[in-house]
C-alpha atoms as a PDB file:
ATOM      1  CA  MET A   1      93.327  69.205  71.365  1.00  0.00           C
ATOM      2  CA  ILE A   2      89.781  70.372  71.239  1.00  0.00           C
ATOM      3  CA  PHE A   3      88.381  66.889  72.808  1.00  0.00           C
ATOM      4  CA  ALA A   4      90.888  67.383  75.377  1.00  0.00           C
ATOM      5  CA  ALA A   5      89.758  70.976  76.334  1.00  0.00           C
ATOM      6  CA  ILE A   6      86.305  70.027  76.347  1.00  0.00           C
ATOM      7  CA  LEU A   7      86.874  67.115  78.755  1.00  0.00           C
ATOM      8  CA  ALA A   8      88.722  69.127  81.010  1.00  0.00           C
ATOM      9  CA  THR A   9      85.936  71.680  81.162  1.00  0.00           C
ATOM     10  CA  ILE A  10      83.663  68.885  81.673  1.00  0.00           C
ATOM     11  CA  VAL A  11      85.921  67.133  84.634  1.00  0.00           C
ATOM     12  CA  PHE A  12      87.158  70.265  86.352  1.00  0.00           C
ATOM     13  CA  GLY A  13      84.649  72.992  85.338  1.00  0.00           C
ATOM     14  CA  SER A  14      85.443  76.404  83.825  1.00  0.00           C
ATOM     15  CA  SER A  15      87.226  79.019  85.612  1.00  0.00           C
ATOM     16  CA  GLU A  16      83.961  80.961  85.464  1.00  0.00           C
ATOM     17  CA  GLY A  17      81.916  78.017  87.536  1.00  0.00           C
ATOM     18  CA  GLN A  18      84.885  78.197  90.249  1.00  0.00           C
ATOM     19  CA  SER A  19      84.221  81.145  91.567  1.00  0.00           C
ATOM     20  CA  SER A  20      80.484  81.218  90.715  1.00  0.00           C
ATOM     21  CA  SER A  21      79.834  78.638  93.554  1.00  0.00           C
ATOM     22  CA  TYR A  22      81.680  80.728  96.005  1.00  0.00           C
ATOM     23  CA  GLU A  23      79.545  83.876  94.634  1.00  0.00           C
ATOM     24  CA  GLN A  24      76.601  81.904  95.114  1.00  0.00           C
ATOM     25  CA  PHE A  25      77.155  80.851  98.825  1.00  0.00           C
ATOM     26  CA  GLN A  26      77.730  84.785  99.303  1.00  0.00           C
ATOM     27  CA  ARG A  27      74.578  85.798  97.648  1.00  0.00           C
ATOM     28  CA  GLU A  28      72.469  83.197  99.332  1.00  0.00           C
ATOM     29  CA  PHE A  29      74.104  83.870 102.755  1.00  0.00           C
ATOM     30  CA  THR A  30      73.284  87.685 102.521  1.00  0.00           C
ATOM     31  CA  ALA A  31      69.810  86.911 101.610  1.00  0.00           C
ATOM     32  CA  GLY A  32      69.396  84.626 104.811  1.00  0.00           C
ATOM     33  CA  ALA A  33      69.498  80.966 103.414  1.00  0.00           C
ATOM     34  CA  ASP A  34      69.064  78.333 106.048  1.00  0.00           C
ATOM     35  CA  CYS A  35      71.890  76.174 107.201  1.00  0.00           C
ATOM     36  CA  PRO A  36      70.883  72.597 105.032  1.00  0.00           C
ATOM     37  CA  ARG A  37      71.468  75.322 101.815  1.00  0.00           C
ATOM     38  CA  LEU A  38      74.232  76.840 103.115  1.00  0.00           C
ATOM     39  CA  PHE A  39      76.033  73.789 103.588  1.00  0.00           C
ATOM     40  CA  GLN A  40      75.263  72.341 100.110  1.00  0.00           C
ATOM     41  CA  LEU A  41      76.390  75.669  98.715  1.00  0.00           C
ATOM     42  CA  ARG A  42      79.580  75.459 100.525  1.00  0.00           C
ATOM     43  CA  ASN A  43      80.461  71.797  99.922  1.00  0.00           C
ATOM     44  CA  GLU A  44      79.914  72.499  96.470  1.00  0.00           C
ATOM     45  CA  ALA A  45      82.198  75.857  96.293  1.00  0.00           C
ATOM     46  CA  LYS A  46      84.976  74.197  98.509  1.00  0.00           C
ATOM     47  CA  VAL A  47      85.975  72.066  95.740  1.00  0.00           C
ATOM     48  CA  ARG A  48      87.374  74.657  93.869  1.00  0.00           C
ATOM     49  CA  ALA A  49      87.721  77.534  96.447  1.00  0.00           C
ATOM     50  CA  THR A  50      90.755  78.967  97.383  1.00  0.00           C
ATOM     51  CA  ALA A  51      91.982  78.112 101.034  1.00  0.00           C
ATOM     52  CA  MET A  52      90.706  81.898 102.279  1.00  0.00           C
ATOM     53  CA  GLN A  53      87.501  81.136 100.333  1.00  0.00           C
ATOM     54  CA  ALA A  54      86.832  77.988 102.332  1.00  0.00           C
ATOM     55  CA  GLN A  55      87.775  79.674 105.616  1.00  0.00           C
ATOM     56  CA  GLU A  56      85.400  82.847 105.154  1.00  0.00           C
ATOM     57  CA  MET A  57      82.408  80.544 104.103  1.00  0.00           C
ATOM     58  CA  ASN A  58      83.134  78.403 107.290  1.00  0.00           C
ATOM     59  CA  GLU A  59      83.509  81.382 109.841  1.00  0.00           C
ATOM     60  CA  LYS A  60      80.201  82.980 108.107  1.00  0.00           C
ATOM     61  CA  LEU A  61      78.426  79.483 108.489  1.00  0.00           C
ATOM     62  CA  ARG A  62      79.618  79.764 112.441  1.00  0.00           C
ATOM     63  CA  SER A  63      78.396  83.337 112.913  1.00  0.00           C
ATOM     64  CA  VAL A  64      75.018  82.221 112.085  1.00  0.00           C
ATOM     65  CA  ARG A  65      75.320  78.940 114.104  1.00  0.00           C
ATOM     66  CA  CYS A  66      75.399  76.674 111.286  1.00  0.00           C
ATOM     67  CA  PHE A  67      77.504  74.086 112.973  1.00  0.00           C
ATOM     68  CA  SER A  68      76.038  71.338 110.727  1.00  0.00           C
ATOM     69  CA  ALA A  69      73.732  70.808 108.041  1.00  0.00           C
ATOM     70  CA  THR A  70      70.788  70.105 110.495  1.00  0.00           C
ATOM     71  CA  SER A  71      71.568  73.523 112.541  1.00  0.00           C
ATOM     72  CA  LYS A  72      68.888  76.056 112.667  1.00  0.00           C
ATOM     73  CA  ARG A  73      70.326  79.281 111.348  1.00  0.00           C
ATOM     74  CA  ALA A  74      70.419  82.128 114.392  1.00  0.00           C
ATOM     75  CA  ALA A  75      70.375  85.731 113.231  1.00  0.00           C
ATOM     76  CA  THR A  76      73.481  87.641 112.496  1.00  0.00           C
ATOM     77  CA  THR A  77      73.883  89.494 115.645  1.00  0.00           C
ATOM     78  CA  THR A  78      75.545  92.957 116.873  1.00  0.00           C
ATOM     79  CA  GLY A  79      75.903  94.398 119.938  1.00  0.00           C
ATOM     80  CA  ASP A  80      74.928  91.560 122.093  1.00  0.00           C
ATOM     81  CA  GLY A  81      78.510  90.862 123.768  1.00  0.00           C
ATOM     82  CA  GLY A  82      78.333  93.081 126.971  1.00  0.00           C
ATOM     83  CA  PHE A  83      81.500  94.746 126.096  1.00  0.00           C
ATOM     84  CA  THR A  84      82.326  97.998 124.162  1.00  0.00           C
ATOM     85  CA  VAL A  85      84.511  98.313 120.913  1.00  0.00           C
ATOM     86  CA  LYS A  86      87.109 100.147 122.807  1.00  0.00           C
ATOM     87  CA  GLU A  87      87.289  97.029 125.396  1.00  0.00           C
ATOM     88  CA  TYR A  88      87.410  94.720 122.419  1.00  0.00           C
ATOM     89  CA  ARG A  89      90.248  96.818 120.937  1.00  0.00           C
ATOM     90  CA  ILE A  90      92.282  96.911 123.747  1.00  0.00           C
ATOM     91  CA  TYR A  91      91.534  92.993 123.943  1.00  0.00           C
ATOM     92  CA  ARG A  92      92.933  92.596 120.129  1.00  0.00           C
ATOM     93  CA  ALA A  93      95.925  94.983 121.152  1.00  0.00           C
ATOM     94  CA  ILE A  94      96.984  92.333 123.909  1.00  0.00           C
ATOM     95  CA  ILE A  95      96.143  89.040 121.892  1.00  0.00           C
ATOM     96  CA  GLY A  96      97.689  90.212 118.581  1.00  0.00           C
ATOM     97  CA  SER A  97     101.204  91.072 120.412  1.00  0.00           C
ATOM     98  CA  PRO A  98     103.787  88.938 119.001  1.00  0.00           C
ATOM     99  CA  MET A  99     104.759  85.810 121.156  1.00  0.00           C
ATOM    100  CA  SER A 100     108.052  87.371 121.943  1.00  0.00           C
ATOM    101  CA  VAL A 101     106.544  90.360 123.708  1.00  0.00           C
ATOM    102  CA  PRO A 102     105.911  89.333 127.445  1.00  0.00           C
ATOM    103  CA  GLU A 103     101.805  89.366 128.459  1.00  0.00           C
ATOM    104  CA  ARG A 104     102.408  92.273 130.965  1.00  0.00           C
ATOM    105  CA  GLN A 105     104.289  94.131 128.566  1.00  0.00           C
ATOM    106  CA  ALA A 106     101.409  93.665 125.880  1.00  0.00           C
ATOM    107  CA  VAL A 107      99.014  94.649 128.498  1.00  0.00           C
ATOM    108  CA  ARG A 108     101.133  97.891 129.294  1.00  0.00           C
ATOM    109  CA  ASN A 109     101.320  98.788 125.626  1.00  0.00           C
ATOM    110  CA  ALA A 110      97.453  98.714 125.169  1.00  0.00           C
ATOM    111  CA  ALA A 111      96.686 100.508 128.315  1.00  0.00           C
ATOM    112  CA  LYS A 112      99.115 103.240 127.351  1.00  0.00           C
ATOM    113  CA  LYS A 113      97.711 103.404 123.720  1.00  0.00           C
ATOM    114  CA  TYR A 114      94.255 103.356 124.842  1.00  0.00           C
ATOM    115  CA  GLY A 115      94.634 105.706 127.708  1.00  0.00           C
ATOM    116  CA  VAL A 116      93.683 103.310 130.457  1.00  0.00           C
ATOM    117  CA  THR A 117      95.433 101.777 133.448  1.00  0.00           C
ATOM    118  CA  GLU A 118      97.083  98.396 133.166  1.00  0.00           C
ATOM    119  CA  ALA A 119      94.429  96.956 135.381  1.00  0.00           C
ATOM    120  CA  ALA A 120      91.786  98.119 133.452  1.00  0.00           C
ATOM    121  CA  ALA A 121      93.232  97.050 130.180  1.00  0.00           C
ATOM    122  CA  LYS A 122      93.547  93.535 131.777  1.00  0.00           C
ATOM    123  CA  LYS A 123      90.019  93.541 133.132  1.00  0.00           C
ATOM    124  CA  ALA A 124      88.807  94.695 129.427  1.00  0.00           C
ATOM    125  CA  ALA A 125      90.588  91.813 127.715  1.00  0.00           C
ATOM    126  CA  ASP A 126      89.546  88.973 130.251  1.00  0.00           C
ATOM    127  CA  LYS A 127      86.054  90.469 129.787  1.00  0.00           C
ATOM    128  CA  VAL A 128      85.973  90.292 126.069  1.00  0.00           C
ATOM    129  CA  MET A 129      87.670  86.788 125.760  1.00  0.00           C
ATOM    130  CA  ASP A 130      85.201  85.687 128.733  1.00  0.00           C
ATOM    131  CA  MET A 131      82.172  86.727 126.535  1.00  0.00           C
ATOM    132  CA  LEU A 132      83.842  85.355 123.172  1.00  0.00           C
ATOM    133  CA  MET A 133      84.644  82.113 124.591  1.00  0.00           C
ATOM    134  CA  ARG A 134      81.585  81.617 126.655  1.00  0.00           C
ATOM    135  CA  ASN A 135      79.275  82.251 123.596  1.00  0.00           C
ATOM    136  CA  ARG A 136      81.490  80.829 121.282  1.00  0.00           C
ATOM    137  CA  TRP A 137      81.831  83.841 119.191  1.00  0.00           C
ATOM    138  CA  ASN A 138      85.412  83.175 118.438  1.00  0.00           C
ATOM    139  CA  ALA A 139      85.823  84.015 114.668  1.00  0.00           C
ATOM    140  CA  THR A 140      87.611  86.907 112.643  1.00  0.00           C
ATOM    141  CA  PRO A 141      88.207  90.354 114.466  1.00  0.00           C
ATOM    142  CA  GLU A 142      85.377  91.593 111.971  1.00  0.00           C
ATOM    143  CA  ALA A 143      82.948  89.236 113.252  1.00  0.00           C
ATOM    144  CA  GLU A 144      83.785  89.522 116.873  1.00  0.00           C
ATOM    145  CA  ILE A 145      83.965  93.067 116.812  1.00  0.00           C
ATOM    146  CA  ARG A 146      80.084  93.047 115.687  1.00  0.00           C
ATOM    147  CA  HIS A 147      79.073  92.001 119.134  1.00  0.00           C
ATOM    148  CA  ALA A 148      80.309  94.676 121.001  1.00  0.00           C
ATOM    149  CA  SER A 149      77.463  97.012 122.588  1.00  0.00           C
ATOM    150  CA  ASP A 150      78.359 100.223 120.888  1.00  0.00           C
ATOM    151  CA  TRP A 151      79.244  98.796 117.282  1.00  0.00           C
ATOM    152  CA  LYS A 152      78.210 100.882 114.467  1.00  0.00           C
ATOM    153  CA  GLY A 153      79.876  99.069 111.429  1.00  0.00           C
ATOM    154  CA  GLU A 154      83.374  99.811 111.815  1.00  0.00           C
ATOM    155  CA  LYS A 155      85.579  96.943 110.724  1.00  0.00           C
ATOM    156  CA  LYS A 156      88.214  96.625 113.447  1.00  0.00           C
END
């Protein structure tokens, strides 16, 4: 029985090792590790990471333009999007509407919520979407909002 436990630990690793690879990725990402190192850590951690952890690591890699192990890491950017936090929130309100809500109604709801005209809400959403797509900044809302010109660290 003890032999089986030791063998299982060797083959599958301990639960301590499972989270430590992910945590190591997080530490080195924050410290500014380069793309080859981040890919190595992500690949090691991915074996035992949860689906959410794997997705988060991939999003973090994309956020610094690490698309492959040979990529050159870009600085984490903030305030470079040419749109405001309010415009971003209008965009999120529209695209976050349930599929059962027609686009026109989603625009109307966002306009009312943020105190702008429907035309202004539509223009803001199109502007943000264009910037995100053109610069390949599509990621989580937490990562996307950082590109707002007046972003000050707020989450959403």
